[in-house]
Every structure is written in structure tokens, then in C-alpha cells.
Amino acid sequence: LAFEKALSSVKSRALQESSKKDQLI
């Protein structure tokens, strides 16, 4: 559950910050 929560949080942030996501990739 903690992992899924963290993953969900990361996904939502990744969607909000698409440019940062590309940089992270």
C-alpha cells in the first residue's frame, strides 16, 4: 500500500511536470 501510494504520488507529479519527467528519463 505504501509503495502504491508513493507510486501514485510520483505518477501524479510526473503528469503535472512533463518536462521534468522527460529530464528524469
PDBML (XML) file of the C-alpha atoms, coordinates in Angstrom:
<?xml version="1.0" encoding="UTF-8" ?>
<PDBx:datablock datablockName="MODEL"
   xmlns:PDBx="http://pdbml.pdb.org/schema/pdbx-v50.xsd"
   xmlns:xsi="http://www.w3.org/2001/XMLSchema-instance"
   xsi:schemaLocation="http://pdbml.pdb.org/schema/pdbx-v50.xsd pdbx-v50.xsd">
   <PDBx:atom_siteCategory>
      <PDBx:atom_site id="1">
         <PDBx:B_iso_or_equiv>0.00</PDBx:B_iso_or_equiv>
         <PDBx:Cartn_x>0.000</PDBx:Cartn_x>
         <PDBx:Cartn_y>0.000</PDBx:Cartn_y>
         <PDBx:Cartn_z>0.000</PDBx:Cartn_z>
         <PDBx:auth_asym_id>A</PDBx:auth_asym_id>
         <PDBx:auth_atom_id>CA</PDBx:auth_atom_id>
         <PDBx:auth_comp_id>LEU</PDBx:auth_comp_id>
         <PDBx:auth_seq_id>1</PDBx:auth_seq_id>
         <PDBx:group_PDB>ATOM</PDBx:group_PDB>
         <PDBx:label_alt_id xsi:nil="true" />
         <PDBx:label_asym_id>A</PDBx:label_asym_id>
         <PDBx:label_atom_id>CA</PDBx:label_atom_id>
         <PDBx:label_comp_id>LEU</PDBx:label_comp_id>
         <PDBx:label_entity_id>1</PDBx:label_entity_id>
         <PDBx:label_seq_id>1</PDBx:label_seq_id>
         <PDBx:occupancy>1.00</PDBx:occupancy>
         <PDBx:pdbx_PDB_model_num>1</PDBx:pdbx_PDB_model_num>
         <PDBx:type_symbol>C</PDBx:type_symbol>
      </PDBx:atom_site>
      <PDBx:atom_site id="2">
         <PDBx:B_iso_or_equiv>0.00</PDBx:B_iso_or_equiv>
         <PDBx:Cartn_x>2.831</PDBx:Cartn_x>
         <PDBx:Cartn_y>2.399</PDBx:Cartn_y>
         <PDBx:Cartn_z>0.854</PDBx:Cartn_z>
         <PDBx:auth_asym_id>A</PDBx:auth_asym_id>
         <PDBx:auth_atom_id>CA</PDBx:auth_atom_id>
         <PDBx:auth_comp_id>ALA</PDBx:auth_comp_id>
         <PDBx:auth_seq_id>2</PDBx:auth_seq_id>
         <PDBx:group_PDB>ATOM</PDBx:group_PDB>
         <PDBx:label_alt_id xsi:nil="true" />
         <PDBx:label_asym_id>A</PDBx:label_asym_id>
         <PDBx:label_atom_id>CA</PDBx:label_atom_id>
         <PDBx:label_comp_id>ALA</PDBx:label_comp_id>
         <PDBx:label_entity_id>1</PDBx:label_entity_id>
         <PDBx:label_seq_id>2</PDBx:label_seq_id>
         <PDBx:occupancy>1.00</PDBx:occupancy>
         <PDBx:pdbx_PDB_model_num>1</PDBx:pdbx_PDB_model_num>
         <PDBx:type_symbol>C</PDBx:type_symbol>
      </PDBx:atom_site>
      <PDBx:atom_site id="3">
         <PDBx:B_iso_or_equiv>0.00</PDBx:B_iso_or_equiv>
         <PDBx:Cartn_x>4.524</PDBx:Cartn_x>
         <PDBx:Cartn_y>1.582</PDBx:Cartn_y>
         <PDBx:Cartn_z>-2.444</PDBx:Cartn_z>
         <PDBx:auth_asym_id>A</PDBx:auth_asym_id>
         <PDBx:auth_atom_id>CA</PDBx:auth_atom_id>
         <PDBx:auth_comp_id>PHE</PDBx:auth_comp_id>
         <PDBx:auth_seq_id>3</PDBx:auth_seq_id>
         <PDBx:group_PDB>ATOM</PDBx:group_PDB>
         <PDBx:label_alt_id xsi:nil="true" />
         <PDBx:label_asym_id>A</PDBx:label_asym_id>
         <PDBx:label_atom_id>CA</PDBx:label_atom_id>
         <PDBx:label_comp_id>PHE</PDBx:label_comp_id>
         <PDBx:label_entity_id>1</PDBx:label_entity_id>
         <PDBx:label_seq_id>3</PDBx:label_seq_id>
         <PDBx:occupancy>1.00</PDBx:occupancy>
         <PDBx:pdbx_PDB_model_num>1</PDBx:pdbx_PDB_model_num>
         <PDBx:type_symbol>C</PDBx:type_symbol>
      </PDBx:atom_site>
      <PDBx:atom_site id="4">
         <PDBx:B_iso_or_equiv>0.00</PDBx:B_iso_or_equiv>
         <PDBx:Cartn_x>1.312</PDBx:Cartn_x>
         <PDBx:Cartn_y>2.064</PDBx:Cartn_y>
         <PDBx:Cartn_z>-4.407</PDBx:Cartn_z>
         <PDBx:auth_asym_id>A</PDBx:auth_asym_id>
         <PDBx:auth_atom_id>CA</PDBx:auth_atom_id>
         <PDBx:auth_comp_id>GLU</PDBx:auth_comp_id>
         <PDBx:auth_seq_id>4</PDBx:auth_seq_id>
         <PDBx:group_PDB>ATOM</PDBx:group_PDB>
         <PDBx:label_alt_id xsi:nil="true" />
         <PDBx:label_asym_id>A</PDBx:label_asym_id>
         <PDBx:label_atom_id>CA</PDBx:label_atom_id>
         <PDBx:label_comp_id>GLU</PDBx:label_comp_id>
         <PDBx:label_entity_id>1</PDBx:label_entity_id>
         <PDBx:label_seq_id>4</PDBx:label_seq_id>
         <PDBx:occupancy>1.00</PDBx:occupancy>
         <PDBx:pdbx_PDB_model_num>1</PDBx:pdbx_PDB_model_num>
         <PDBx:type_symbol>C</PDBx:type_symbol>
      </PDBx:atom_site>
      <PDBx:atom_site id="5">
         <PDBx:B_iso_or_equiv>0.00</PDBx:B_iso_or_equiv>
         <PDBx:Cartn_x>0.690</PDBx:Cartn_x>
         <PDBx:Cartn_y>5.372</PDBx:Cartn_y>
         <PDBx:Cartn_z>-2.628</PDBx:Cartn_z>
         <PDBx:auth_asym_id>A</PDBx:auth_asym_id>
         <PDBx:auth_atom_id>CA</PDBx:auth_atom_id>
         <PDBx:auth_comp_id>LYS</PDBx:auth_comp_id>
         <PDBx:auth_seq_id>5</PDBx:auth_seq_id>
         <PDBx:group_PDB>ATOM</PDBx:group_PDB>
         <PDBx:label_alt_id xsi:nil="true" />
         <PDBx:label_asym_id>A</PDBx:label_asym_id>
         <PDBx:label_atom_id>CA</PDBx:label_atom_id>
         <PDBx:label_comp_id>LYS</PDBx:label_comp_id>
         <PDBx:label_entity_id>1</PDBx:label_entity_id>
         <PDBx:label_seq_id>5</PDBx:label_seq_id>
         <PDBx:occupancy>1.00</PDBx:occupancy>
         <PDBx:pdbx_PDB_model_num>1</PDBx:pdbx_PDB_model_num>
         <PDBx:type_symbol>C</PDBx:type_symbol>
      </PDBx:atom_site>
      <PDBx:atom_site id="6">
         <PDBx:B_iso_or_equiv>0.00</PDBx:B_iso_or_equiv>
         <PDBx:Cartn_x>4.215</PDBx:Cartn_x>
         <PDBx:Cartn_y>6.563</PDBx:Cartn_y>
         <PDBx:Cartn_z>-3.381</PDBx:Cartn_z>
         <PDBx:auth_asym_id>A</PDBx:auth_asym_id>
         <PDBx:auth_atom_id>CA</PDBx:auth_atom_id>
         <PDBx:auth_comp_id>ALA</PDBx:auth_comp_id>
         <PDBx:auth_seq_id>6</PDBx:auth_seq_id>
         <PDBx:group_PDB>ATOM</PDBx:group_PDB>
         <PDBx:label_alt_id xsi:nil="true" />
         <PDBx:label_asym_id>A</PDBx:label_asym_id>
         <PDBx:label_atom_id>CA</PDBx:label_atom_id>
         <PDBx:label_comp_id>ALA</PDBx:label_comp_id>
         <PDBx:label_entity_id>1</PDBx:label_entity_id>
         <PDBx:label_seq_id>6</PDBx:label_seq_id>
         <PDBx:occupancy>1.00</PDBx:occupancy>
         <PDBx:pdbx_PDB_model_num>1</PDBx:pdbx_PDB_model_num>
         <PDBx:type_symbol>C</PDBx:type_symbol>
      </PDBx:atom_site>
      <PDBx:atom_site id="7">
         <PDBx:B_iso_or_equiv>0.00</PDBx:B_iso_or_equiv>
         <PDBx:Cartn_x>3.918</PDBx:Cartn_x>
         <PDBx:Cartn_y>5.372</PDBx:Cartn_y>
         <PDBx:Cartn_z>-6.970</PDBx:Cartn_z>
         <PDBx:auth_asym_id>A</PDBx:auth_asym_id>
         <PDBx:auth_atom_id>CA</PDBx:auth_atom_id>
         <PDBx:auth_comp_id>LEU</PDBx:auth_comp_id>
         <PDBx:auth_seq_id>7</PDBx:auth_seq_id>
         <PDBx:group_PDB>ATOM</PDBx:group_PDB>
         <PDBx:label_alt_id xsi:nil="true" />
         <PDBx:label_asym_id>A</PDBx:label_asym_id>
         <PDBx:label_atom_id>CA</PDBx:label_atom_id>
         <PDBx:label_comp_id>LEU</PDBx:label_comp_id>
         <PDBx:label_entity_id>1</PDBx:label_entity_id>
         <PDBx:label_seq_id>7</PDBx:label_seq_id>
         <PDBx:occupancy>1.00</PDBx:occupancy>
         <PDBx:pdbx_PDB_model_num>1</PDBx:pdbx_PDB_model_num>
         <PDBx:type_symbol>C</PDBx:type_symbol>
      </PDBx:atom_site>
      <PDBx:atom_site id="8">
         <PDBx:B_iso_or_equiv>0.00</PDBx:B_iso_or_equiv>
         <PDBx:Cartn_x>0.614</PDBx:Cartn_x>
         <PDBx:Cartn_y>7.162</PDBx:Cartn_y>
         <PDBx:Cartn_z>-7.375</PDBx:Cartn_z>
         <PDBx:auth_asym_id>A</PDBx:auth_asym_id>
         <PDBx:auth_atom_id>CA</PDBx:auth_atom_id>
         <PDBx:auth_comp_id>SER</PDBx:auth_comp_id>
         <PDBx:auth_seq_id>8</PDBx:auth_seq_id>
         <PDBx:group_PDB>ATOM</PDBx:group_PDB>
         <PDBx:label_alt_id xsi:nil="true" />
         <PDBx:label_asym_id>A</PDBx:label_asym_id>
         <PDBx:label_atom_id>CA</PDBx:label_atom_id>
         <PDBx:label_comp_id>SER</PDBx:label_comp_id>
         <PDBx:label_entity_id>1</PDBx:label_entity_id>
         <PDBx:label_seq_id>8</PDBx:label_seq_id>
         <PDBx:occupancy>1.00</PDBx:occupancy>
         <PDBx:pdbx_PDB_model_num>1</PDBx:pdbx_PDB_model_num>
         <PDBx:type_symbol>C</PDBx:type_symbol>
      </PDBx:atom_site>
      <PDBx:atom_site id="9">
         <PDBx:B_iso_or_equiv>0.00</PDBx:B_iso_or_equiv>
         <PDBx:Cartn_x>2.156</PDBx:Cartn_x>
         <PDBx:Cartn_y>10.307</PDBx:Cartn_y>
         <PDBx:Cartn_z>-5.980</PDBx:Cartn_z>
         <PDBx:auth_asym_id>A</PDBx:auth_asym_id>
         <PDBx:auth_atom_id>CA</PDBx:auth_atom_id>
         <PDBx:auth_comp_id>SER</PDBx:auth_comp_id>
         <PDBx:auth_seq_id>9</PDBx:auth_seq_id>
         <PDBx:group_PDB>ATOM</PDBx:group_PDB>
         <PDBx:label_alt_id xsi:nil="true" />
         <PDBx:label_asym_id>A</PDBx:label_asym_id>
         <PDBx:label_atom_id>CA</PDBx:label_atom_id>
         <PDBx:label_comp_id>SER</PDBx:label_comp_id>
         <PDBx:label_entity_id>1</PDBx:label_entity_id>
         <PDBx:label_seq_id>9</PDBx:label_seq_id>
         <PDBx:occupancy>1.00</PDBx:occupancy>
         <PDBx:pdbx_PDB_model_num>1</PDBx:pdbx_PDB_model_num>
         <PDBx:type_symbol>C</PDBx:type_symbol>
      </PDBx:atom_site>
      <PDBx:atom_site id="10">
         <PDBx:B_iso_or_equiv>0.00</PDBx:B_iso_or_equiv>
         <PDBx:Cartn_x>5.109</PDBx:Cartn_x>
         <PDBx:Cartn_y>10.017</PDBx:Cartn_y>
         <PDBx:Cartn_z>-8.346</PDBx:Cartn_z>
         <PDBx:auth_asym_id>A</PDBx:auth_asym_id>
         <PDBx:auth_atom_id>CA</PDBx:auth_atom_id>
         <PDBx:auth_comp_id>VAL</PDBx:auth_comp_id>
         <PDBx:auth_seq_id>10</PDBx:auth_seq_id>
         <PDBx:group_PDB>ATOM</PDBx:group_PDB>
         <PDBx:label_alt_id xsi:nil="true" />
         <PDBx:label_asym_id>A</PDBx:label_asym_id>
         <PDBx:label_atom_id>CA</PDBx:label_atom_id>
         <PDBx:label_comp_id>VAL</PDBx:label_comp_id>
         <PDBx:label_entity_id>1</PDBx:label_entity_id>
         <PDBx:label_seq_id>10</PDBx:label_seq_id>
         <PDBx:occupancy>1.00</PDBx:occupancy>
         <PDBx:pdbx_PDB_model_num>1</PDBx:pdbx_PDB_model_num>
         <PDBx:type_symbol>C</PDBx:type_symbol>
      </PDBx:atom_site>
      <PDBx:atom_site id="11">
         <PDBx:B_iso_or_equiv>0.00</PDBx:B_iso_or_equiv>
         <PDBx:Cartn_x>2.798</PDBx:Cartn_x>
         <PDBx:Cartn_y>9.419</PDBx:Cartn_y>
         <PDBx:Cartn_z>-11.307</PDBx:Cartn_z>
         <PDBx:auth_asym_id>A</PDBx:auth_asym_id>
         <PDBx:auth_atom_id>CA</PDBx:auth_atom_id>
         <PDBx:auth_comp_id>LYS</PDBx:auth_comp_id>
         <PDBx:auth_seq_id>11</PDBx:auth_seq_id>
         <PDBx:group_PDB>ATOM</PDBx:group_PDB>
         <PDBx:label_alt_id xsi:nil="true" />
         <PDBx:label_asym_id>A</PDBx:label_asym_id>
         <PDBx:label_atom_id>CA</PDBx:label_atom_id>
         <PDBx:label_comp_id>LYS</PDBx:label_comp_id>
         <PDBx:label_entity_id>1</PDBx:label_entity_id>
         <PDBx:label_seq_id>11</PDBx:label_seq_id>
         <PDBx:occupancy>1.00</PDBx:occupancy>
         <PDBx:pdbx_PDB_model_num>1</PDBx:pdbx_PDB_model_num>
         <PDBx:type_symbol>C</PDBx:type_symbol>
      </PDBx:atom_site>
      <PDBx:atom_site id="12">
         <PDBx:B_iso_or_equiv>0.00</PDBx:B_iso_or_equiv>
         <PDBx:Cartn_x>0.654</PDBx:Cartn_x>
         <PDBx:Cartn_y>12.437</PDBx:Cartn_y>
         <PDBx:Cartn_z>-10.498</PDBx:Cartn_z>
         <PDBx:auth_asym_id>A</PDBx:auth_asym_id>
         <PDBx:auth_atom_id>CA</PDBx:auth_atom_id>
         <PDBx:auth_comp_id>SER</PDBx:auth_comp_id>
         <PDBx:auth_seq_id>12</PDBx:auth_seq_id>
         <PDBx:group_PDB>ATOM</PDBx:group_PDB>
         <PDBx:label_alt_id xsi:nil="true" />
         <PDBx:label_asym_id>A</PDBx:label_asym_id>
         <PDBx:label_atom_id>CA</PDBx:label_atom_id>
         <PDBx:label_comp_id>SER</PDBx:label_comp_id>
         <PDBx:label_entity_id>1</PDBx:label_entity_id>
         <PDBx:label_seq_id>12</PDBx:label_seq_id>
         <PDBx:occupancy>1.00</PDBx:occupancy>
         <PDBx:pdbx_PDB_model_num>1</PDBx:pdbx_PDB_model_num>
         <PDBx:type_symbol>C</PDBx:type_symbol>
      </PDBx:atom_site>
      <PDBx:atom_site id="13">
         <PDBx:B_iso_or_equiv>0.00</PDBx:B_iso_or_equiv>
         <PDBx:Cartn_x>3.731</PDBx:Cartn_x>
         <PDBx:Cartn_y>14.621</PDBx:Cartn_y>
         <PDBx:Cartn_z>-10.131</PDBx:Cartn_z>
         <PDBx:auth_asym_id>A</PDBx:auth_asym_id>
         <PDBx:auth_atom_id>CA</PDBx:auth_atom_id>
         <PDBx:auth_comp_id>ARG</PDBx:auth_comp_id>
         <PDBx:auth_seq_id>13</PDBx:auth_seq_id>
         <PDBx:group_PDB>ATOM</PDBx:group_PDB>
         <PDBx:label_alt_id xsi:nil="true" />
         <PDBx:label_asym_id>A</PDBx:label_asym_id>
         <PDBx:label_atom_id>CA</PDBx:label_atom_id>
         <PDBx:label_comp_id>ARG</PDBx:label_comp_id>
         <PDBx:label_entity_id>1</PDBx:label_entity_id>
         <PDBx:label_seq_id>13</PDBx:label_seq_id>
         <PDBx:occupancy>1.00</PDBx:occupancy>
         <PDBx:pdbx_PDB_model_num>1</PDBx:pdbx_PDB_model_num>
         <PDBx:type_symbol>C</PDBx:type_symbol>
      </PDBx:atom_site>
      <PDBx:atom_site id="14">
         <PDBx:B_iso_or_equiv>0.00</PDBx:B_iso_or_equiv>
         <PDBx:Cartn_x>5.110</PDBx:Cartn_x>
         <PDBx:Cartn_y>13.194</PDBx:Cartn_y>
         <PDBx:Cartn_z>-13.372</PDBx:Cartn_z>
         <PDBx:auth_asym_id>A</PDBx:auth_asym_id>
         <PDBx:auth_atom_id>CA</PDBx:auth_atom_id>
         <PDBx:auth_comp_id>ALA</PDBx:auth_comp_id>
         <PDBx:auth_seq_id>14</PDBx:auth_seq_id>
         <PDBx:group_PDB>ATOM</PDBx:group_PDB>
         <PDBx:label_alt_id xsi:nil="true" />
         <PDBx:label_asym_id>A</PDBx:label_asym_id>
         <PDBx:label_atom_id>CA</PDBx:label_atom_id>
         <PDBx:label_comp_id>ALA</PDBx:label_comp_id>
         <PDBx:label_entity_id>1</PDBx:label_entity_id>
         <PDBx:label_seq_id>14</PDBx:label_seq_id>
         <PDBx:occupancy>1.00</PDBx:occupancy>
         <PDBx:pdbx_PDB_model_num>1</PDBx:pdbx_PDB_model_num>
         <PDBx:type_symbol>C</PDBx:type_symbol>
      </PDBx:atom_site>
      <PDBx:atom_site id="15">
         <PDBx:B_iso_or_equiv>0.00</PDBx:B_iso_or_equiv>
         <PDBx:Cartn_x>1.908</PDBx:Cartn_x>
         <PDBx:Cartn_y>14.078</PDBx:Cartn_y>
         <PDBx:Cartn_z>-15.180</PDBx:Cartn_z>
         <PDBx:auth_asym_id>A</PDBx:auth_asym_id>
         <PDBx:auth_atom_id>CA</PDBx:auth_atom_id>
         <PDBx:auth_comp_id>LEU</PDBx:auth_comp_id>
         <PDBx:auth_seq_id>15</PDBx:auth_seq_id>
         <PDBx:group_PDB>ATOM</PDBx:group_PDB>
         <PDBx:label_alt_id xsi:nil="true" />
         <PDBx:label_asym_id>A</PDBx:label_asym_id>
         <PDBx:label_atom_id>CA</PDBx:label_atom_id>
         <PDBx:label_comp_id>LEU</PDBx:label_comp_id>
         <PDBx:label_entity_id>1</PDBx:label_entity_id>
         <PDBx:label_seq_id>15</PDBx:label_seq_id>
         <PDBx:occupancy>1.00</PDBx:occupancy>
         <PDBx:pdbx_PDB_model_num>1</PDBx:pdbx_PDB_model_num>
         <PDBx:type_symbol>C</PDBx:type_symbol>
      </PDBx:atom_site>
      <PDBx:atom_site id="16">
         <PDBx:B_iso_or_equiv>0.00</PDBx:B_iso_or_equiv>
         <PDBx:Cartn_x>1.965</PDBx:Cartn_x>
         <PDBx:Cartn_y>17.584</PDBx:Cartn_y>
         <PDBx:Cartn_z>-13.710</PDBx:Cartn_z>
         <PDBx:auth_asym_id>A</PDBx:auth_asym_id>
         <PDBx:auth_atom_id>CA</PDBx:auth_atom_id>
         <PDBx:auth_comp_id>GLN</PDBx:auth_comp_id>
         <PDBx:auth_seq_id>16</PDBx:auth_seq_id>
         <PDBx:group_PDB>ATOM</PDBx:group_PDB>
         <PDBx:label_alt_id xsi:nil="true" />
         <PDBx:label_asym_id>A</PDBx:label_asym_id>
         <PDBx:label_atom_id>CA</PDBx:label_atom_id>
         <PDBx:label_comp_id>GLN</PDBx:label_comp_id>
         <PDBx:label_entity_id>1</PDBx:label_entity_id>
         <PDBx:label_seq_id>16</PDBx:label_seq_id>
         <PDBx:occupancy>1.00</PDBx:occupancy>
         <PDBx:pdbx_PDB_model_num>1</PDBx:pdbx_PDB_model_num>
         <PDBx:type_symbol>C</PDBx:type_symbol>
      </PDBx:atom_site>
      <PDBx:atom_site id="17">
         <PDBx:B_iso_or_equiv>0.00</PDBx:B_iso_or_equiv>
         <PDBx:Cartn_x>5.566</PDBx:Cartn_x>
         <PDBx:Cartn_y>18.164</PDBx:Cartn_y>
         <PDBx:Cartn_z>-14.629</PDBx:Cartn_z>
         <PDBx:auth_asym_id>A</PDBx:auth_asym_id>
         <PDBx:auth_atom_id>CA</PDBx:auth_atom_id>
         <PDBx:auth_comp_id>GLU</PDBx:auth_comp_id>
         <PDBx:auth_seq_id>17</PDBx:auth_seq_id>
         <PDBx:group_PDB>ATOM</PDBx:group_PDB>
         <PDBx:label_alt_id xsi:nil="true" />
         <PDBx:label_asym_id>A</PDBx:label_asym_id>
         <PDBx:label_atom_id>CA</PDBx:label_atom_id>
         <PDBx:label_comp_id>GLU</PDBx:label_comp_id>
         <PDBx:label_entity_id>1</PDBx:label_entity_id>
         <PDBx:label_seq_id>17</PDBx:label_seq_id>
         <PDBx:occupancy>1.00</PDBx:occupancy>
         <PDBx:pdbx_PDB_model_num>1</PDBx:pdbx_PDB_model_num>
         <PDBx:type_symbol>C</PDBx:type_symbol>
      </PDBx:atom_site>
      <PDBx:atom_site id="18">
         <PDBx:B_iso_or_equiv>0.00</PDBx:B_iso_or_equiv>
         <PDBx:Cartn_x>6.008</PDBx:Cartn_x>
         <PDBx:Cartn_y>16.534</PDBx:Cartn_y>
         <PDBx:Cartn_z>-18.040</PDBx:Cartn_z>
         <PDBx:auth_asym_id>A</PDBx:auth_asym_id>
         <PDBx:auth_atom_id>CA</PDBx:auth_atom_id>
         <PDBx:auth_comp_id>SER</PDBx:auth_comp_id>
         <PDBx:auth_seq_id>18</PDBx:auth_seq_id>
         <PDBx:group_PDB>ATOM</PDBx:group_PDB>
         <PDBx:label_alt_id xsi:nil="true" />
         <PDBx:label_asym_id>A</PDBx:label_asym_id>
         <PDBx:label_atom_id>CA</PDBx:label_atom_id>
         <PDBx:label_comp_id>SER</PDBx:label_comp_id>
         <PDBx:label_entity_id>1</PDBx:label_entity_id>
         <PDBx:label_seq_id>18</PDBx:label_seq_id>
         <PDBx:occupancy>1.00</PDBx:occupancy>
         <PDBx:pdbx_PDB_model_num>1</PDBx:pdbx_PDB_model_num>
         <PDBx:type_symbol>C</PDBx:type_symbol>
      </PDBx:atom_site>
      <PDBx:atom_site id="19">
         <PDBx:B_iso_or_equiv>0.00</PDBx:B_iso_or_equiv>
         <PDBx:Cartn_x>9.173</PDBx:Cartn_x>
         <PDBx:Cartn_y>18.445</PDBx:Cartn_y>
         <PDBx:Cartn_z>-18.843</PDBx:Cartn_z>
         <PDBx:auth_asym_id>A</PDBx:auth_asym_id>
         <PDBx:auth_atom_id>CA</PDBx:auth_atom_id>
         <PDBx:auth_comp_id>SER</PDBx:auth_comp_id>
         <PDBx:auth_seq_id>19</PDBx:auth_seq_id>
         <PDBx:group_PDB>ATOM</PDBx:group_PDB>
         <PDBx:label_alt_id xsi:nil="true" />
         <PDBx:label_asym_id>A</PDBx:label_asym_id>
         <PDBx:label_atom_id>CA</PDBx:label_atom_id>
         <PDBx:label_comp_id>SER</PDBx:label_comp_id>
         <PDBx:label_entity_id>1</PDBx:label_entity_id>
         <PDBx:label_seq_id>19</PDBx:label_seq_id>
         <PDBx:occupancy>1.00</PDBx:occupancy>
         <PDBx:pdbx_PDB_model_num>1</PDBx:pdbx_PDB_model_num>
         <PDBx:type_symbol>C</PDBx:type_symbol>
      </PDBx:atom_site>
      <PDBx:atom_site id="20">
         <PDBx:B_iso_or_equiv>0.00</PDBx:B_iso_or_equiv>
         <PDBx:Cartn_x>10.792</PDBx:Cartn_x>
         <PDBx:Cartn_y>17.296</PDBx:Cartn_y>
         <PDBx:Cartn_z>-15.606</PDBx:Cartn_z>
         <PDBx:auth_asym_id>A</PDBx:auth_asym_id>
         <PDBx:auth_atom_id>CA</PDBx:auth_atom_id>
         <PDBx:auth_comp_id>LYS</PDBx:auth_comp_id>
         <PDBx:auth_seq_id>20</PDBx:auth_seq_id>
         <PDBx:group_PDB>ATOM</PDBx:group_PDB>
         <PDBx:label_alt_id xsi:nil="true" />
         <PDBx:label_asym_id>A</PDBx:label_asym_id>
         <PDBx:label_atom_id>CA</PDBx:label_atom_id>
         <PDBx:label_comp_id>LYS</PDBx:label_comp_id>
         <PDBx:label_entity_id>1</PDBx:label_entity_id>
         <PDBx:label_seq_id>20</PDBx:label_seq_id>
         <PDBx:occupancy>1.00</PDBx:occupancy>
         <PDBx:pdbx_PDB_model_num>1</PDBx:pdbx_PDB_model_num>
         <PDBx:type_symbol>C</PDBx:type_symbol>
      </PDBx:atom_site>
      <PDBx:atom_site id="21">
         <PDBx:B_iso_or_equiv>0.00</PDBx:B_iso_or_equiv>
         <PDBx:Cartn_x>9.683</PDBx:Cartn_x>
         <PDBx:Cartn_y>13.753</PDBx:Cartn_y>
         <PDBx:Cartn_z>-16.413</PDBx:Cartn_z>
         <PDBx:auth_asym_id>A</PDBx:auth_asym_id>
         <PDBx:auth_atom_id>CA</PDBx:auth_atom_id>
         <PDBx:auth_comp_id>LYS</PDBx:auth_comp_id>
         <PDBx:auth_seq_id>21</PDBx:auth_seq_id>
         <PDBx:group_PDB>ATOM</PDBx:group_PDB>
         <PDBx:label_alt_id xsi:nil="true" />
         <PDBx:label_asym_id>A</PDBx:label_asym_id>
         <PDBx:label_atom_id>CA</PDBx:label_atom_id>
         <PDBx:label_comp_id>LYS</PDBx:label_comp_id>
         <PDBx:label_entity_id>1</PDBx:label_entity_id>
         <PDBx:label_seq_id>21</PDBx:label_seq_id>
         <PDBx:occupancy>1.00</PDBx:occupancy>
         <PDBx:pdbx_PDB_model_num>1</PDBx:pdbx_PDB_model_num>
         <PDBx:type_symbol>C</PDBx:type_symbol>
      </PDBx:atom_site>
      <PDBx:atom_site id="22">
         <PDBx:B_iso_or_equiv>0.00</PDBx:B_iso_or_equiv>
         <PDBx:Cartn_x>11.488</PDBx:Cartn_x>
         <PDBx:Cartn_y>13.859</PDBx:Cartn_y>
         <PDBx:Cartn_z>-19.732</PDBx:Cartn_z>
         <PDBx:auth_asym_id>A</PDBx:auth_asym_id>
         <PDBx:auth_atom_id>CA</PDBx:auth_atom_id>
         <PDBx:auth_comp_id>ASP</PDBx:auth_comp_id>
         <PDBx:auth_seq_id>22</PDBx:auth_seq_id>
         <PDBx:group_PDB>ATOM</PDBx:group_PDB>
         <PDBx:label_alt_id xsi:nil="true" />
         <PDBx:label_asym_id>A</PDBx:label_asym_id>
         <PDBx:label_atom_id>CA</PDBx:label_atom_id>
         <PDBx:label_comp_id>ASP</PDBx:label_comp_id>
         <PDBx:label_entity_id>1</PDBx:label_entity_id>
         <PDBx:label_seq_id>22</PDBx:label_seq_id>
         <PDBx:occupancy>1.00</PDBx:occupancy>
         <PDBx:pdbx_PDB_model_num>1</PDBx:pdbx_PDB_model_num>
         <PDBx:type_symbol>C</PDBx:type_symbol>
      </PDBx:atom_site>
      <PDBx:atom_site id="23">
         <PDBx:B_iso_or_equiv>0.00</PDBx:B_iso_or_equiv>
         <PDBx:Cartn_x>14.585</PDBx:Cartn_x>
         <PDBx:Cartn_y>15.189</PDBx:Cartn_y>
         <PDBx:Cartn_z>-17.998</PDBx:Cartn_z>
         <PDBx:auth_asym_id>A</PDBx:auth_asym_id>
         <PDBx:auth_atom_id>CA</PDBx:auth_atom_id>
         <PDBx:auth_comp_id>GLN</PDBx:auth_comp_id>
         <PDBx:auth_seq_id>23</PDBx:auth_seq_id>
         <PDBx:group_PDB>ATOM</PDBx:group_PDB>
         <PDBx:label_alt_id xsi:nil="true" />
         <PDBx:label_asym_id>A</PDBx:label_asym_id>
         <PDBx:label_atom_id>CA</PDBx:label_atom_id>
         <PDBx:label_comp_id>GLN</PDBx:label_comp_id>
         <PDBx:label_entity_id>1</PDBx:label_entity_id>
         <PDBx:label_seq_id>23</PDBx:label_seq_id>
         <PDBx:occupancy>1.00</PDBx:occupancy>
         <PDBx:pdbx_PDB_model_num>1</PDBx:pdbx_PDB_model_num>
         <PDBx:type_symbol>C</PDBx:type_symbol>
      </PDBx:atom_site>
      <PDBx:atom_site id="24">
         <PDBx:B_iso_or_equiv>0.00</PDBx:B_iso_or_equiv>
         <PDBx:Cartn_x>14.372</PDBx:Cartn_x>
         <PDBx:Cartn_y>12.415</PDBx:Cartn_y>
         <PDBx:Cartn_z>-15.397</PDBx:Cartn_z>
         <PDBx:auth_asym_id>A</PDBx:auth_asym_id>
         <PDBx:auth_atom_id>CA</PDBx:auth_atom_id>
         <PDBx:auth_comp_id>LEU</PDBx:auth_comp_id>
         <PDBx:auth_seq_id>24</PDBx:auth_seq_id>
         <PDBx:group_PDB>ATOM</PDBx:group_PDB>
         <PDBx:label_alt_id xsi:nil="true" />
         <PDBx:label_asym_id>A</PDBx:label_asym_id>
         <PDBx:label_atom_id>CA</PDBx:label_atom_id>
         <PDBx:label_comp_id>LEU</PDBx:label_comp_id>
         <PDBx:label_entity_id>1</PDBx:label_entity_id>
         <PDBx:label_seq_id>24</PDBx:label_seq_id>
         <PDBx:occupancy>1.00</PDBx:occupancy>
         <PDBx:pdbx_PDB_model_num>1</PDBx:pdbx_PDB_model_num>
         <PDBx:type_symbol>C</PDBx:type_symbol>
      </PDBx:atom_site>
      <PDBx:atom_site id="25">
         <PDBx:B_iso_or_equiv>0.00</PDBx:B_iso_or_equiv>
         <PDBx:Cartn_x>14.001</PDBx:Cartn_x>
         <PDBx:Cartn_y>9.746</PDBx:Cartn_y>
         <PDBx:Cartn_z>-18.079</PDBx:Cartn_z>
         <PDBx:auth_asym_id>A</PDBx:auth_asym_id>
         <PDBx:auth_atom_id>CA</PDBx:auth_atom_id>
         <PDBx:auth_comp_id>ILE</PDBx:auth_comp_id>
         <PDBx:auth_seq_id>25</PDBx:auth_seq_id>
         <PDBx:group_PDB>ATOM</PDBx:group_PDB>
         <PDBx:label_alt_id xsi:nil="true" />
         <PDBx:label_asym_id>A</PDBx:label_asym_id>
         <PDBx:label_atom_id>CA</PDBx:label_atom_id>
         <PDBx:label_comp_id>ILE</PDBx:label_comp_id>
         <PDBx:label_entity_id>1</PDBx:label_entity_id>
         <PDBx:label_seq_id>25</PDBx:label_seq_id>
         <PDBx:occupancy>1.00</PDBx:occupancy>
         <PDBx:pdbx_PDB_model_num>1</PDBx:pdbx_PDB_model_num>
         <PDBx:type_symbol>C</PDBx:type_symbol>
      </PDBx:atom_site>
   </PDBx:atom_siteCategory>
</PDBx:datablock>
